[in-house]
C-alpha atoms as a PDB file:
ATOM      1  CA  MET A   1      19.123 192.911 185.836  1.00  0.00           C
ATOM      2  CA  ALA A   2      19.552 190.163 188.443  1.00  0.00           C
ATOM      3  CA  ARG A   3      21.658 188.084 186.059  1.00  0.00           C
ATOM      4  CA  GLN A   4      23.805 191.107 185.266  1.00  0.00           C
ATOM      5  CA  ALA A   5      24.240 191.776 188.995  1.00  0.00           C
ATOM      6  CA  ILE A   6      25.366 188.176 189.545  1.00  0.00           C
ATOM      7  CA  GLU A   7      28.000 188.482 186.837  1.00  0.00           C
ATOM      8  CA  THR A   8      29.284 191.732 188.331  1.00  0.00           C
ATOM      9  CA  LEU A   9      29.315 190.330 191.867  1.00  0.00           C
ATOM     10  CA  ARG A  10      31.211 187.197 190.802  1.00  0.00           C
ATOM     11  CA  THR A  11      34.230 189.379 190.087  1.00  0.00           C
ATOM     12  CA  GLN A  12      34.108 190.750 193.629  1.00  0.00           C
ATOM     13  CA  ALA A  13      32.884 187.931 195.881  1.00  0.00           C
ATOM     14  CA  ASP A  14      32.707 184.148 196.061  1.00  0.00           C
ATOM     15  CA  LYS A  15      29.211 184.084 197.576  1.00  0.00           C
ATOM     16  CA  ILE A  16      26.088 186.246 197.316  1.00  0.00           C
ATOM     17  CA  PHE A  17      23.677 186.900 200.188  1.00  0.00           C
ATOM     18  CA  VAL A  18      20.428 188.472 199.011  1.00  0.00           C
ATOM     19  CA  HIS A  19      18.693 191.132 201.092  1.00  0.00           C
ATOM     20  CA  PHE A  20      15.166 191.581 199.725  1.00  0.00           C
ATOM     21  CA  ASP A  21      13.122 194.520 201.049  1.00  0.00           C
ATOM     22  CA  VAL A  22       9.405 193.956 200.552  1.00  0.00           C
ATOM     23  CA  ASP A  23       8.889 197.696 200.178  1.00  0.00           C
ATOM     24  CA  VAL A  24      10.492 197.556 196.711  1.00  0.00           C
ATOM     25  CA  ILE A  25       7.122 196.153 195.597  1.00  0.00           C
ATOM     26  CA  ASP A  26       4.508 198.699 194.561  1.00  0.00           C
ATOM     27  CA  ALA A  27       2.171 199.561 197.453  1.00  0.00           C
ATOM     28  CA  SER A  28      -0.862 198.481 195.422  1.00  0.00           C
ATOM     29  CA  ASP A  29       0.595 194.950 195.208  1.00  0.00           C
ATOM     30  CA  MET A  30       2.113 194.834 198.702  1.00  0.00           C
ATOM     31  CA  PRO A  31       0.360 197.213 201.107  1.00  0.00           C
ATOM     32  CA  ALA A  32       1.859 195.311 204.073  1.00  0.00           C
ATOM     33  CA  ALA A  33       5.307 196.708 203.370  1.00  0.00           C
ATOM     34  CA  ASP A  34       6.725 198.544 206.355  1.00  0.00           C
ATOM     35  CA  VAL A  35       7.218 201.658 204.203  1.00  0.00           C
ATOM     36  CA  PRO A  36       4.905 201.235 201.179  1.00  0.00           C
ATOM     37  CA  HIS A  37       6.023 202.965 197.999  1.00  0.00           C
ATOM     38  CA  PRO A  38       3.973 203.928 194.973  1.00  0.00           C
ATOM     39  CA  ASN A  39       5.557 203.258 191.590  1.00  0.00           C
ATOM     40  CA  GLY A  40       7.531 200.273 192.851  1.00  0.00           C
ATOM     41  CA  LEU A  41       8.026 196.999 191.029  1.00  0.00           C
ATOM     42  CA  THR A  42       5.019 194.803 190.405  1.00  0.00           C
ATOM     43  CA  TYR A  43       4.836 191.786 192.691  1.00  0.00           C
ATOM     44  CA  ASN A  44       5.506 189.470 189.736  1.00  0.00           C
ATOM     45  CA  ASP A  45       8.568 191.421 188.597  1.00  0.00           C
ATOM     46  CA  ALA A  46       9.970 191.593 192.124  1.00  0.00           C
ATOM     47  CA  ALA A  47       9.327 187.885 192.704  1.00  0.00           C
ATOM     48  CA  ARG A  48      11.581 186.838 189.804  1.00  0.00           C
ATOM     49  CA  ALA A  49      14.836 188.271 191.170  1.00  0.00           C
ATOM     50  CA  PRO A  50      15.212 186.113 194.320  1.00  0.00           C
ATOM     51  CA  GLY A  51      14.840 182.957 192.223  1.00  0.00           C
ATOM     52  CA  ILE A  52      17.505 184.080 189.775  1.00  0.00           C
ATOM     53  CA  PHE A  53      19.913 184.725 192.651  1.00  0.00           C
ATOM     54  CA  ALA A  54      18.937 181.491 194.442  1.00  0.00           C
ATOM     55  CA  HIS A  55      19.837 179.389 191.411  1.00  0.00           C
ATOM     56  CA  SER A  56      23.292 180.921 191.069  1.00  0.00           C
ATOM     57  CA  ASP A  57      26.306 178.814 192.105  1.00  0.00           C
ATOM     58  CA  SER A  58      27.297 181.801 194.253  1.00  0.00           C
ATOM     59  CA  PHE A  59      24.057 181.914 196.271  1.00  0.00           C
ATOM     60  CA  LEU A  60      24.653 181.745 200.017  1.00  0.00           C
ATOM     61  CA  GLY A  61      21.287 182.764 201.455  1.00  0.00           C
ATOM     62  CA  MET A  62      18.503 185.301 201.535  1.00  0.00           C
ATOM     63  CA  GLU A  63      16.629 187.442 204.015  1.00  0.00           C
ATOM     64  CA  ILE A  64      13.308 189.147 203.413  1.00  0.00           C
ATOM     65  CA  THR A  65      12.608 192.310 205.377  1.00  0.00           C
ATOM     66  CA  GLU A  66      10.233 195.256 205.716  1.00  0.00           C
ATOM     67  CA  SER A  67       7.012 193.250 205.878  1.00  0.00           C
ATOM     68  CA  ASN A  68       4.668 194.635 208.519  1.00  0.00           C
ATOM     69  CA  ALA A  69       2.276 192.076 210.037  1.00  0.00           C
ATOM     70  CA  ASP A  70       0.177 194.875 211.562  1.00  0.00           C
ATOM     71  CA  LYS A  71      -0.791 195.854 207.999  1.00  0.00           C
ATOM     72  CA  ASP A  72      -1.694 192.259 207.092  1.00  0.00           C
ATOM     73  CA  ARG A  73      -4.401 191.250 209.552  1.00  0.00           C
ATOM     74  CA  ASP A  74      -5.680 188.338 207.455  1.00  0.00           C
ATOM     75  CA  ARG A  75      -2.111 187.152 206.682  1.00  0.00           C
ATOM     76  CA  ARG A  76      -2.922 186.990 202.953  1.00  0.00           C
ATOM     77  CA  LEU A  77       0.175 189.005 202.060  1.00  0.00           C
ATOM     78  CA  ALA A  78       2.383 186.919 204.334  1.00  0.00           C
ATOM     79  CA  ALA A  79       1.154 183.876 202.426  1.00  0.00           C
ATOM     80  CA  ARG A  80       2.192 185.559 199.158  1.00  0.00           C
ATOM     81  CA  LEU A  81       5.669 186.198 200.568  1.00  0.00           C
ATOM     82  CA  THR A  82       5.884 182.557 201.640  1.00  0.00           C
ATOM     83  CA  ASP A  83       5.007 181.560 198.082  1.00  0.00           C
ATOM     84  CA  LEU A  84       7.698 183.932 196.788  1.00  0.00           C
ATOM     85  CA  ILE A  85      10.318 182.259 198.988  1.00  0.00           C
ATOM     86  CA  ALA A  86       9.176 178.749 198.071  1.00  0.00           C
ATOM     87  CA  PHE A  87       9.203 179.625 194.371  1.00  0.00           C
ATOM     88  CA  ALA A  88      12.684 181.159 194.616  1.00  0.00           C
ATOM     89  CA  LEU A  89      14.137 178.148 196.403  1.00  0.00           C
ATOM     90  CA  ARG A  90      12.397 175.379 194.423  1.00  0.00           C
END
């Protein structure tokens, strides 16, 4: 779906800025989301999309939002998000 979105957006804009809400990830995989949702995407499925956008010629930048540090006392989930960003931008 990310590749299809890129193709559609190319007809409307020169650059793409990605806004990635952590709460799109299923609450069982990302309980530190600001508003956790059941039945969301798996972490692995959600982690693929930013990389697809980041490797597009149209990619301008990305922000990741809706992570709640108060729900991640050991910072394990923040480390996973850091890995997601690093993987997307590699």
